[in-house]
Amino acid sequence: MASPQTRGVAAESDLVLARTAARGDRDAAAELVRRASGVVGDLLRRMGAGDALADDITQDALVVALGSLAGYRGEAAFATWTTRIAARLYMKRRSREARYELMAEPIGPDSAGPSEETSSMNRLDLDRALSRLSPPERLCVSLCHGAGLTHDEIALALSTPLGTVKSHVTRGLQKLRVLMTAEPAGSDADE
């Protein structure tokens, strides 16, 4: 009896599922969780959370999202909406545990350390490139471009000056551009 209903749930829009789940339908809630959990966890890992922390915050964010379904308007995908909740939860935890990291200036332009990869590797994937940023740069870039938060929202949530957030985003994006280019630096000087 639940099989046809479960199959029909997968075809519904996020907004319909949210309204149905808000009325207590467990199949609809499970489908929303299925759609959002991977996206949320992936973003948290890109922001610098380890696997266990990403899983914990993903679970917390899904609990908050499911408890707040009345506020979901369907203007974005449920996964996107939940991602913003998760990003805020992660920022709160980070601000409690490691606020000093955001205020620290990077050691230098190569603070991520020299690359020991072979010269035949022309590209780094985004996750790997993000892991080479300093923790504050990775966090701010991920919040801005991964979670869609504005610089003002990030500064407010992290209790960090707006200029510091903008600097971390700008420097992080500059480093990502370099890391994601096909040609390693200094390659034309070989001849």
N, C-alpha and C. Protein backbone atom coordinates (compact mmCIF):
# COMPACT_ATOMS: atom_id res chain seq x y z
N MET A 1 0.82 -1.19 0.00
CA MET A 1 0.00 0.00 0.00
C MET A 1 0.86 1.25 0.00
N ALA A 2 2.03 1.25 0.68
CA ALA A 2 2.91 2.42 0.72
C ALA A 2 3.74 2.56 -0.54
N SER A 3 3.92 1.49 -1.30
CA SER A 3 4.77 1.52 -2.49
C SER A 3 4.30 2.53 -3.52
N PRO A 4 3.04 2.51 -3.98
CA PRO A 4 2.63 3.50 -4.97
C PRO A 4 2.76 4.92 -4.44
N GLN A 5 2.48 5.09 -3.18
CA GLN A 5 2.59 6.43 -2.58
C GLN A 5 4.05 6.88 -2.56
N THR A 6 4.96 5.97 -2.21
CA THR A 6 6.37 6.29 -2.17
C THR A 6 6.88 6.65 -3.55
N ARG A 7 6.46 5.89 -4.57
CA ARG A 7 6.87 6.19 -5.94
C ARG A 7 6.34 7.55 -6.38
N GLY A 8 5.15 7.89 -6.00
CA GLY A 8 4.57 9.18 -6.37
C GLY A 8 5.27 10.34 -5.68
N VAL A 9 5.78 10.11 -4.48
CA VAL A 9 6.47 11.14 -3.71
C VAL A 9 7.73 11.61 -4.45
N ALA A 10 8.45 10.69 -5.05
CA ALA A 10 9.70 11.03 -5.74
C ALA A 10 9.47 11.96 -6.92
N ALA A 11 8.29 11.95 -7.50
CA ALA A 11 8.00 12.79 -8.65
C ALA A 11 7.49 14.18 -8.27
N GLU A 12 7.19 14.41 -7.01
CA GLU A 12 6.63 15.68 -6.57
C GLU A 12 7.68 16.78 -6.47
N SER A 13 7.25 18.01 -6.56
CA SER A 13 8.15 19.15 -6.38
C SER A 13 8.50 19.31 -4.90
N ASP A 14 9.57 20.02 -4.64
CA ASP A 14 9.98 20.25 -3.26
C ASP A 14 8.89 20.96 -2.46
N LEU A 15 8.23 21.92 -3.06
CA LEU A 15 7.19 22.67 -2.36
C LEU A 15 6.02 21.77 -1.98
N VAL A 16 5.59 20.92 -2.90
CA VAL A 16 4.50 19.99 -2.60
C VAL A 16 4.93 19.02 -1.50
N LEU A 17 6.15 18.52 -1.60
CA LEU A 17 6.66 17.61 -0.57
C LEU A 17 6.72 18.30 0.79
N ALA A 18 7.18 19.55 0.79
CA ALA A 18 7.29 20.27 2.06
C ALA A 18 5.91 20.47 2.69
N ARG A 19 4.93 20.83 1.89
CA ARG A 19 3.58 21.01 2.43
C ARG A 19 3.02 19.68 2.96
N THR A 20 3.28 18.61 2.21
CA THR A 20 2.81 17.29 2.62
C THR A 20 3.53 16.83 3.89
N ALA A 21 4.84 17.04 3.93
CA ALA A 21 5.62 16.64 5.11
C ALA A 21 5.20 17.45 6.33
N ALA A 22 4.87 18.73 6.13
CA ALA A 22 4.44 19.57 7.25
C ALA A 22 3.15 19.04 7.87
N ARG A 23 2.36 18.30 7.09
CA ARG A 23 1.13 17.69 7.62
C ARG A 23 1.40 16.32 8.23
N GLY A 24 2.68 15.92 8.29
CA GLY A 24 3.04 14.68 8.97
C GLY A 24 3.34 13.50 8.07
N ASP A 25 3.40 13.68 6.77
CA ASP A 25 3.68 12.57 5.86
C ASP A 25 5.17 12.21 5.91
N ARG A 26 5.48 11.03 6.42
CA ARG A 26 6.87 10.60 6.59
C ARG A 26 7.55 10.32 5.26
N ASP A 27 6.82 9.83 4.28
CA ASP A 27 7.42 9.56 2.97
C ASP A 27 7.89 10.86 2.32
N ALA A 28 7.09 11.89 2.44
CA ALA A 28 7.46 13.18 1.87
C ALA A 28 8.69 13.74 2.58
N ALA A 29 8.72 13.64 3.89
CA ALA A 29 9.87 14.12 4.65
C ALA A 29 11.12 13.33 4.29
N ALA A 30 10.99 12.02 4.14
CA ALA A 30 12.14 11.18 3.78
C ALA A 30 12.68 11.56 2.40
N GLU A 31 11.79 11.88 1.48
CA GLU A 31 12.23 12.28 0.14
C GLU A 31 12.96 13.62 0.19
N LEU A 32 12.49 14.55 0.98
CA LEU A 32 13.19 15.83 1.13
C LEU A 32 14.58 15.61 1.71
N VAL A 33 14.67 14.76 2.72
CA VAL A 33 15.97 14.45 3.33
C VAL A 33 16.89 13.81 2.30
N ARG A 34 16.37 12.88 1.51
CA ARG A 34 17.17 12.22 0.48
C ARG A 34 17.72 13.23 -0.53
N ARG A 35 16.88 14.16 -0.93
CA ARG A 35 17.29 15.16 -1.92
C ARG A 35 18.33 16.13 -1.38
N ALA A 36 18.27 16.43 -0.11
CA ALA A 36 19.12 17.49 0.46
C ALA A 36 20.39 16.99 1.11
N SER A 37 20.40 15.82 1.68
CA SER A 37 21.52 15.42 2.55
C SER A 37 22.86 15.40 1.84
N GLY A 38 22.95 14.89 0.65
CA GLY A 38 24.23 14.85 -0.06
C GLY A 38 24.74 16.23 -0.42
N VAL A 39 23.85 17.08 -0.87
CA VAL A 39 24.22 18.44 -1.26
C VAL A 39 24.74 19.21 -0.05
N VAL A 40 24.05 19.10 1.06
CA VAL A 40 24.43 19.80 2.28
C VAL A 40 25.78 19.28 2.80
N GLY A 41 25.93 17.98 2.87
CA GLY A 41 27.18 17.39 3.35
C GLY A 41 28.37 17.78 2.48
N ASP A 42 28.16 17.77 1.16
CA ASP A 42 29.25 18.14 0.25
C ASP A 42 29.68 19.58 0.47
N LEU A 43 28.73 20.49 0.63
CA LEU A 43 29.09 21.89 0.86
C LEU A 43 29.86 22.04 2.17
N LEU A 44 29.41 21.38 3.21
CA LEU A 44 30.09 21.49 4.50
C LEU A 44 31.53 20.99 4.41
N ARG A 45 31.75 19.92 3.67
CA ARG A 45 33.12 19.42 3.47
C ARG A 45 33.96 20.43 2.70
N ARG A 46 33.36 21.07 1.70
CA ARG A 46 34.08 22.11 0.96
C ARG A 46 34.42 23.30 1.85
N MET A 47 33.57 23.54 2.84
CA MET A 47 33.81 24.65 3.76
C MET A 47 34.91 24.31 4.76
N GLY A 48 35.30 23.05 4.82
CA GLY A 48 36.38 22.66 5.72
C GLY A 48 35.99 21.73 6.84
N ALA A 49 34.74 21.33 6.89
CA ALA A 49 34.31 20.41 7.95
C ALA A 49 34.80 19.00 7.63
N GLY A 50 35.26 18.31 8.64
CA GLY A 50 35.62 16.91 8.47
C GLY A 50 34.36 16.07 8.26
N ASP A 51 34.54 14.82 7.91
CA ASP A 51 33.39 13.96 7.62
C ASP A 51 32.41 13.86 8.78
N ALA A 52 32.90 13.62 9.97
CA ALA A 52 32.01 13.46 11.13
C ALA A 52 31.26 14.76 11.43
N LEU A 53 31.98 15.88 11.40
CA LEU A 53 31.34 17.16 11.66
C LEU A 53 30.32 17.50 10.57
N ALA A 54 30.69 17.25 9.33
CA ALA A 54 29.75 17.50 8.22
C ALA A 54 28.49 16.67 8.38
N ASP A 55 28.65 15.42 8.76
CA ASP A 55 27.47 14.56 8.97
C ASP A 55 26.61 15.07 10.12
N ASP A 56 27.25 15.48 11.22
CA ASP A 56 26.50 16.00 12.38
C ASP A 56 25.72 17.26 12.02
N ILE A 57 26.39 18.19 11.35
CA ILE A 57 25.73 19.45 11.01
C ILE A 57 24.65 19.23 9.95
N THR A 58 24.90 18.31 9.02
CA THR A 58 23.87 17.97 8.03
C THR A 58 22.62 17.48 8.73
N GLN A 59 22.81 16.59 9.68
CA GLN A 59 21.66 16.06 10.42
C GLN A 59 20.95 17.18 11.19
N ASP A 60 21.72 18.02 11.86
CA ASP A 60 21.12 19.14 12.60
C ASP A 60 20.35 20.08 11.66
N ALA A 61 20.95 20.37 10.50
CA ALA A 61 20.30 21.27 9.54
C ALA A 61 19.01 20.67 9.01
N LEU A 62 19.01 19.38 8.76
CA LEU A 62 17.79 18.73 8.27
C LEU A 62 16.70 18.73 9.34
N VAL A 63 17.09 18.54 10.59
CA VAL A 63 16.11 18.60 11.69
C VAL A 63 15.50 20.01 11.76
N VAL A 64 16.35 21.03 11.67
CA VAL A 64 15.86 22.41 11.69
C VAL A 64 14.96 22.67 10.49
N ALA A 65 15.41 22.25 9.31
CA ALA A 65 14.63 22.48 8.09
C ALA A 65 13.27 21.79 8.17
N LEU A 66 13.24 20.55 8.59
CA LEU A 66 11.97 19.84 8.69
C LEU A 66 11.06 20.44 9.75
N GLY A 67 11.67 20.99 10.79
CA GLY A 67 10.87 21.65 11.82
C GLY A 67 10.38 23.03 11.42
N SER A 68 10.92 23.54 10.32
CA SER A 68 10.57 24.88 9.85
C SER A 68 9.88 24.86 8.49
N LEU A 69 9.28 23.76 8.14
CA LEU A 69 8.68 23.63 6.81
C LEU A 69 7.63 24.69 6.52
N ALA A 70 6.99 25.19 7.55
CA ALA A 70 5.98 26.24 7.33
C ALA A 70 6.61 27.49 6.73
N GLY A 71 7.91 27.69 6.98
CA GLY A 71 8.61 28.85 6.45
C GLY A 71 9.19 28.65 5.07
N TYR A 72 9.14 27.43 4.56
CA TYR A 72 9.68 27.13 3.23
C TYR A 72 8.68 27.57 2.18
N ARG A 73 9.11 28.47 1.30
CA ARG A 73 8.22 29.04 0.29
C ARG A 73 8.44 28.46 -1.11
N GLY A 74 9.45 27.64 -1.28
CA GLY A 74 9.70 27.04 -2.59
C GLY A 74 10.40 27.96 -3.57
N GLU A 75 10.95 29.07 -3.08
CA GLU A 75 11.65 30.01 -3.97
C GLU A 75 12.97 29.44 -4.44
N ALA A 76 13.51 28.49 -3.72
CA ALA A 76 14.73 27.76 -4.09
C ALA A 76 14.47 26.30 -3.78
N ALA A 77 15.34 25.44 -4.28
CA ALA A 77 15.21 24.02 -3.99
C ALA A 77 15.33 23.79 -2.48
N PHE A 78 14.68 22.78 -1.98
CA PHE A 78 14.75 22.46 -0.56
C PHE A 78 16.20 22.25 -0.14
N ALA A 79 16.99 21.61 -1.00
CA ALA A 79 18.41 21.38 -0.69
C ALA A 79 19.15 22.70 -0.53
N THR A 80 18.86 23.67 -1.37
CA THR A 80 19.49 24.98 -1.28
C THR A 80 19.09 25.67 0.01
N TRP A 81 17.82 25.61 0.33
CA TRP A 81 17.31 26.22 1.55
C TRP A 81 17.97 25.58 2.77
N THR A 82 18.10 24.26 2.76
CA THR A 82 18.72 23.55 3.86
C THR A 82 20.22 23.85 3.93
N THR A 83 20.84 24.04 2.78
CA THR A 83 22.27 24.39 2.73
C THR A 83 22.53 25.70 3.47
N ARG A 84 21.66 26.66 3.29
CA ARG A 84 21.82 27.94 3.99
C ARG A 84 21.70 27.74 5.50
N ILE A 85 20.79 26.88 5.93
CA ILE A 85 20.65 26.58 7.36
C ILE A 85 21.93 25.91 7.86
N ALA A 86 22.44 24.95 7.10
CA ALA A 86 23.66 24.24 7.49
C ALA A 86 24.85 25.18 7.55
N ALA A 87 24.94 26.08 6.58
CA ALA A 87 26.06 27.03 6.57
C ALA A 87 26.02 27.90 7.82
N ARG A 88 24.85 28.33 8.21
CA ARG A 88 24.73 29.15 9.42
C ARG A 88 25.09 28.35 10.67
N LEU A 89 24.66 27.10 10.72
CA LEU A 89 25.01 26.25 11.87
C LEU A 89 26.53 26.05 11.93
N TYR A 90 27.13 25.82 10.79
CA TYR A 90 28.58 25.63 10.74
C TYR A 90 29.30 26.91 11.15
N MET A 91 28.81 28.05 10.67
CA MET A 91 29.43 29.33 11.04
C MET A 91 29.33 29.58 12.54
N LYS A 92 28.20 29.27 13.12
CA LYS A 92 28.06 29.45 14.57
C LYS A 92 29.07 28.59 15.32
N ARG A 93 29.21 27.36 14.88
CA ARG A 93 30.17 26.47 15.54
C ARG A 93 31.59 26.98 15.34
N ARG A 94 31.91 27.39 14.14
CA ARG A 94 33.25 27.90 13.86
C ARG A 94 33.53 29.17 14.67
N SER A 95 32.56 30.04 14.76
CA SER A 95 32.81 31.29 15.49
C SER A 95 33.01 31.02 16.98
N ARG A 96 32.36 30.01 17.51
CA ARG A 96 32.57 29.64 18.91
C ARG A 96 33.94 29.01 19.12
N GLU A 97 34.34 28.15 18.18
CA GLU A 97 35.54 27.35 18.39
C GLU A 97 36.83 27.97 17.85
N ALA A 98 36.74 28.74 16.79
CA ALA A 98 37.98 29.17 16.14
C ALA A 98 37.89 30.56 15.53
N ARG A 99 37.32 31.50 16.24
CA ARG A 99 37.16 32.85 15.70
C ARG A 99 38.50 33.47 15.33
N TYR A 100 39.54 33.15 16.05
CA TYR A 100 40.86 33.74 15.79
C TYR A 100 41.37 33.41 14.39
N GLU A 101 40.97 32.30 13.80
CA GLU A 101 41.43 31.93 12.46
C GLU A 101 40.99 32.96 11.42
N LEU A 102 39.80 33.48 11.57
CA LEU A 102 39.29 34.44 10.59
C LEU A 102 40.02 35.77 10.66
N MET A 103 40.56 36.10 11.80
CA MET A 103 41.25 37.37 11.95
C MET A 103 42.73 37.26 11.56
N ALA A 104 43.24 36.06 11.46
CA ALA A 104 44.65 35.86 11.15
C ALA A 104 44.92 36.19 9.69
N GLU A 105 46.00 36.86 9.45
CA GLU A 105 46.41 37.15 8.09
C GLU A 105 47.17 35.95 7.55
N PRO A 106 47.01 35.65 6.28
CA PRO A 106 47.76 34.54 5.72
C PRO A 106 49.25 34.82 5.74
N ILE A 107 50.04 33.76 5.79
CA ILE A 107 51.50 33.89 5.84
C ILE A 107 52.04 34.55 4.59
N GLY A 108 51.51 34.23 3.47
CA GLY A 108 51.97 34.80 2.20
C GLY A 108 51.12 34.27 1.07
N PRO A 109 51.43 34.66 -0.16
CA PRO A 109 50.60 34.23 -1.27
C PRO A 109 50.62 32.71 -1.48
N ASP A 110 51.67 32.04 -1.03
CA ASP A 110 51.75 30.59 -1.17
C ASP A 110 51.53 29.89 0.16
N SER A 111 50.67 30.46 1.01
CA SER A 111 50.47 29.89 2.35
C SER A 111 49.92 28.48 2.32
N ALA A 112 49.34 28.06 1.21
CA ALA A 112 48.82 26.71 1.12
C ALA A 112 49.95 25.69 0.96
N GLY A 113 51.15 26.17 0.71
CA GLY A 113 52.30 25.27 0.58
C GLY A 113 52.58 24.93 -0.87
N PRO A 114 53.80 24.56 -1.13
CA PRO A 114 54.16 24.23 -2.50
C PRO A 114 53.53 22.92 -2.95
N SER A 115 53.27 22.84 -4.23
CA SER A 115 52.68 21.63 -4.78
C SER A 115 53.78 20.64 -5.12
N GLU A 116 53.56 19.37 -4.75
CA GLU A 116 54.50 18.32 -5.08
C GLU A 116 53.90 17.38 -6.12
N GLU A 117 52.88 17.85 -6.84
CA GLU A 117 52.23 17.01 -7.83
C GLU A 117 53.05 16.99 -9.10
N THR A 118 52.89 15.96 -9.90
CA THR A 118 53.63 15.86 -11.14
C THR A 118 53.24 16.96 -12.10
N SER A 119 54.17 17.32 -13.00
CA SER A 119 53.91 18.42 -13.93
C SER A 119 52.87 18.05 -14.97
N SER A 120 52.59 16.75 -15.14
CA SER A 120 51.59 16.34 -16.12
C SER A 120 50.17 16.64 -15.67
N MET A 121 50.00 16.90 -14.39
CA MET A 121 48.65 17.21 -13.90
C MET A 121 48.37 18.68 -14.18
N ASN A 122 47.43 18.95 -15.09
CA ASN A 122 47.16 20.33 -15.50
C ASN A 122 46.05 20.99 -14.70
N ARG A 123 45.16 20.22 -14.14
CA ARG A 123 44.03 20.80 -13.42
C ARG A 123 43.84 20.14 -12.08
N LEU A 124 43.36 20.93 -11.14
CA LEU A 124 42.94 20.40 -9.84
C LEU A 124 41.42 20.48 -9.80
N ASP A 125 40.80 19.52 -9.21
CA ASP A 125 39.36 19.64 -9.06
C ASP A 125 39.05 20.67 -7.97
N LEU A 126 37.83 21.13 -7.95
CA LEU A 126 37.45 22.21 -7.05
C LEU A 126 37.67 21.85 -5.58
N ASP A 127 37.29 20.66 -5.18
CA ASP A 127 37.47 20.28 -3.77
C ASP A 127 38.94 20.32 -3.38
N ARG A 128 39.78 19.83 -4.25
CA ARG A 128 41.21 19.82 -3.95
C ARG A 128 41.76 21.24 -3.91
N ALA A 129 41.31 22.07 -4.85
CA ALA A 129 41.76 23.46 -4.87
C ALA A 129 41.30 24.19 -3.61
N LEU A 130 40.06 23.96 -3.20
CA LEU A 130 39.56 24.59 -1.98
C LEU A 130 40.36 24.15 -0.76
N SER A 131 40.79 22.91 -0.75
CA SER A 131 41.55 22.42 0.40
C SER A 131 42.92 23.09 0.50
N ARG A 132 43.37 23.73 -0.56
CA ARG A 132 44.66 24.39 -0.56
C ARG A 132 44.57 25.84 -0.09
N LEU A 133 43.36 26.34 0.09
CA LEU A 133 43.18 27.70 0.62
C LEU A 133 43.38 27.67 2.13
N SER A 134 43.65 28.85 2.68
CA SER A 134 43.71 28.94 4.15
C SER A 134 42.30 28.69 4.69
N PRO A 135 42.18 28.23 5.92
CA PRO A 135 40.84 27.97 6.48
C PRO A 135 39.88 29.16 6.38
N PRO A 136 40.31 30.40 6.68
CA PRO A 136 39.36 31.50 6.55
C PRO A 136 38.94 31.76 5.11
N GLU A 137 39.88 31.61 4.18
CA GLU A 137 39.54 31.82 2.76
C GLU A 137 38.56 30.75 2.29
N ARG A 138 38.82 29.50 2.64
CA ARG A 138 37.95 28.39 2.25
C ARG A 138 36.55 28.59 2.81
N LEU A 139 36.47 28.97 4.07
CA LEU A 139 35.18 29.18 4.71
C LEU A 139 34.41 30.30 4.03
N CYS A 140 35.06 31.43 3.85
CA CYS A 140 34.36 32.60 3.28
C CYS A 140 33.98 32.38 1.82
N VAL A 141 34.85 31.78 1.02
CA VAL A 141 34.53 31.49 -0.38
C VAL A 141 33.38 30.50 -0.46
N SER A 142 33.42 29.46 0.35
CA SER A 142 32.35 28.45 0.34
C SER A 142 31.02 29.03 0.78
N LEU A 143 31.04 29.87 1.78
CA LEU A 143 29.79 30.49 2.24
C LEU A 143 29.23 31.43 1.19
N CYS A 144 30.10 32.17 0.54
CA CYS A 144 29.66 33.15 -0.45
C CYS A 144 29.19 32.47 -1.73
N HIS A 145 30.02 31.60 -2.27
CA HIS A 145 29.71 31.02 -3.57
C HIS A 145 29.09 29.64 -3.50
N GLY A 146 29.24 28.94 -2.39
CA GLY A 146 28.62 27.62 -2.24
C GLY A 146 27.25 27.69 -1.59
N ALA A 147 27.15 28.52 -0.55
CA ALA A 147 25.87 28.63 0.18
C ALA A 147 25.07 29.84 -0.25
N GLY A 148 25.67 30.73 -1.04
CA GLY A 148 24.94 31.88 -1.55
C GLY A 148 24.72 33.00 -0.55
N LEU A 149 25.52 33.04 0.50
CA LEU A 149 25.37 34.12 1.48
C LEU A 149 26.10 35.36 0.98
N THR A 150 25.59 36.52 1.35
CA THR A 150 26.26 37.77 0.98
C THR A 150 27.42 38.02 1.94
N HIS A 151 28.30 38.92 1.55
CA HIS A 151 29.41 39.28 2.42
C HIS A 151 28.88 39.81 3.75
N ASP A 152 27.83 40.61 3.70
CA ASP A 152 27.24 41.15 4.93
C ASP A 152 26.72 40.04 5.84
N GLU A 153 26.05 39.04 5.25
CA GLU A 153 25.52 37.93 6.05
C GLU A 153 26.65 37.14 6.70
N ILE A 154 27.72 36.92 5.94
CA ILE A 154 28.86 36.17 6.48
C ILE A 154 29.50 36.95 7.62
N ALA A 155 29.72 38.24 7.41
CA ALA A 155 30.34 39.08 8.45
C ALA A 155 29.50 39.09 9.72
N LEU A 156 28.20 39.23 9.56
CA LEU A 156 27.31 39.26 10.70
C LEU A 156 27.32 37.92 11.44
N ALA A 157 27.21 36.84 10.69
CA ALA A 157 27.15 35.52 11.33
C ALA A 157 28.46 35.14 12.01
N LEU A 158 29.57 35.59 11.46
CA LEU A 158 30.87 35.23 12.04
C LEU A 158 31.41 36.29 13.00
N SER A 159 30.67 37.37 13.19
CA SER A 159 31.14 38.48 14.02
C SER A 159 32.53 38.92 13.59
N THR A 160 32.68 39.08 12.28
CA THR A 160 33.94 39.45 11.66
C THR A 160 33.72 40.71 10.85
N PRO A 161 34.70 41.62 10.82
CA PRO A 161 34.52 42.84 10.03
C PRO A 161 34.25 42.52 8.55
N LEU A 162 33.38 43.30 7.94
CA LEU A 162 33.01 43.11 6.55
C LEU A 162 34.24 43.13 5.64
N GLY A 163 35.15 44.03 5.89
CA GLY A 163 36.36 44.12 5.08
C GLY A 163 37.20 42.86 5.14
N THR A 164 37.24 42.23 6.29
CA THR A 164 37.99 40.98 6.45
C THR A 164 37.35 39.88 5.62
N VAL A 165 36.03 39.79 5.66
CA VAL A 165 35.32 38.78 4.87
C VAL A 165 35.58 39.02 3.38
N LYS A 166 35.47 40.28 2.95
CA LYS A 166 35.70 40.60 1.53
C LYS A 166 37.13 40.24 1.12
N SER A 167 38.08 40.51 1.99
CA SER A 167 39.48 40.18 1.70
C SER A 167 39.67 38.68 1.55
N HIS A 168 39.08 37.91 2.45
CA HIS A 168 39.21 36.46 2.38
C HIS A 168 38.57 35.91 1.10
N VAL A 169 37.41 36.43 0.73
CA VAL A 169 36.75 35.97 -0.49
C VAL A 169 37.60 36.34 -1.71
N THR A 170 38.07 37.58 -1.76
CA THR A 170 38.86 38.03 -2.91
C THR A 170 40.15 37.22 -3.04
N ARG A 171 40.89 37.10 -1.95
CA ARG A 171 42.14 36.33 -1.99
C ARG A 171 41.89 34.87 -2.33
N GLY A 172 40.83 34.32 -1.74
CA GLY A 172 40.50 32.91 -2.01
C GLY A 172 40.17 32.68 -3.47
N LEU A 173 39.38 33.59 -4.05
CA LEU A 173 39.04 33.44 -5.47
C LEU A 173 40.26 33.61 -6.36
N GLN A 174 41.15 34.54 -6.00
CA GLN A 174 42.38 34.71 -6.78
C GLN A 174 43.21 33.43 -6.74
N LYS A 175 43.34 32.85 -5.57
CA LYS A 175 44.11 31.61 -5.45
C LYS A 175 43.45 30.48 -6.22
N LEU A 176 42.11 30.41 -6.16
CA LEU A 176 41.40 29.36 -6.90
C LEU A 176 41.64 29.50 -8.40
N ARG A 177 41.64 30.73 -8.90
CA ARG A 177 41.90 30.94 -10.33
C ARG A 177 43.26 30.40 -10.71
N VAL A 178 44.26 30.68 -9.88
CA VAL A 178 45.61 30.18 -10.16
C VAL A 178 45.64 28.65 -10.08
N LEU A 179 45.03 28.10 -9.04
CA LEU A 179 45.05 26.66 -8.86
C LEU A 179 44.29 25.91 -9.95
N MET A 180 43.27 26.54 -10.51
CA MET A 180 42.44 25.88 -11.50
C MET A 180 42.91 26.10 -12.94
N THR A 181 43.95 26.88 -13.15
CA THR A 181 44.44 27.09 -14.51
C THR A 181 45.19 25.86 -14.99
N ALA A 182 45.25 25.72 -16.28
CA ALA A 182 45.88 24.53 -16.88
C ALA A 182 47.39 24.59 -16.82
N GLU A 183 47.98 25.77 -16.94
CA GLU A 183 49.42 25.91 -16.99
C GLU A 183 49.98 26.23 -15.62
N PRO A 184 50.92 25.43 -15.12
CA PRO A 184 51.57 25.77 -13.86
C PRO A 184 52.40 27.04 -13.99
N ALA A 185 52.55 27.77 -12.91
CA ALA A 185 53.30 29.02 -12.94
C ALA A 185 54.75 28.76 -13.36
N GLY A 186 55.27 29.63 -14.24
CA GLY A 186 56.66 29.56 -14.65
C GLY A 186 56.93 28.52 -15.72
N SER A 187 55.88 27.98 -16.36
CA SER A 187 56.12 26.93 -17.35
C SER A 187 56.74 27.44 -18.63
N ASP A 188 56.54 28.75 -18.99
CA ASP A 188 57.12 29.25 -20.22
C ASP A 188 58.58 29.67 -20.03
N ALA A 189 59.09 29.62 -18.84
CA ALA A 189 60.47 29.98 -18.60
C ALA A 189 61.40 28.80 -18.83
N ASP A 190 60.85 27.62 -19.13
CA ASP A 190 61.66 26.43 -19.30
C ASP A 190 62.48 26.47 -20.58
N GLU A 191 62.03 27.21 -21.58
CA GLU A 191 62.74 27.20 -22.85
C GLU A 191 63.69 28.32 -23.00
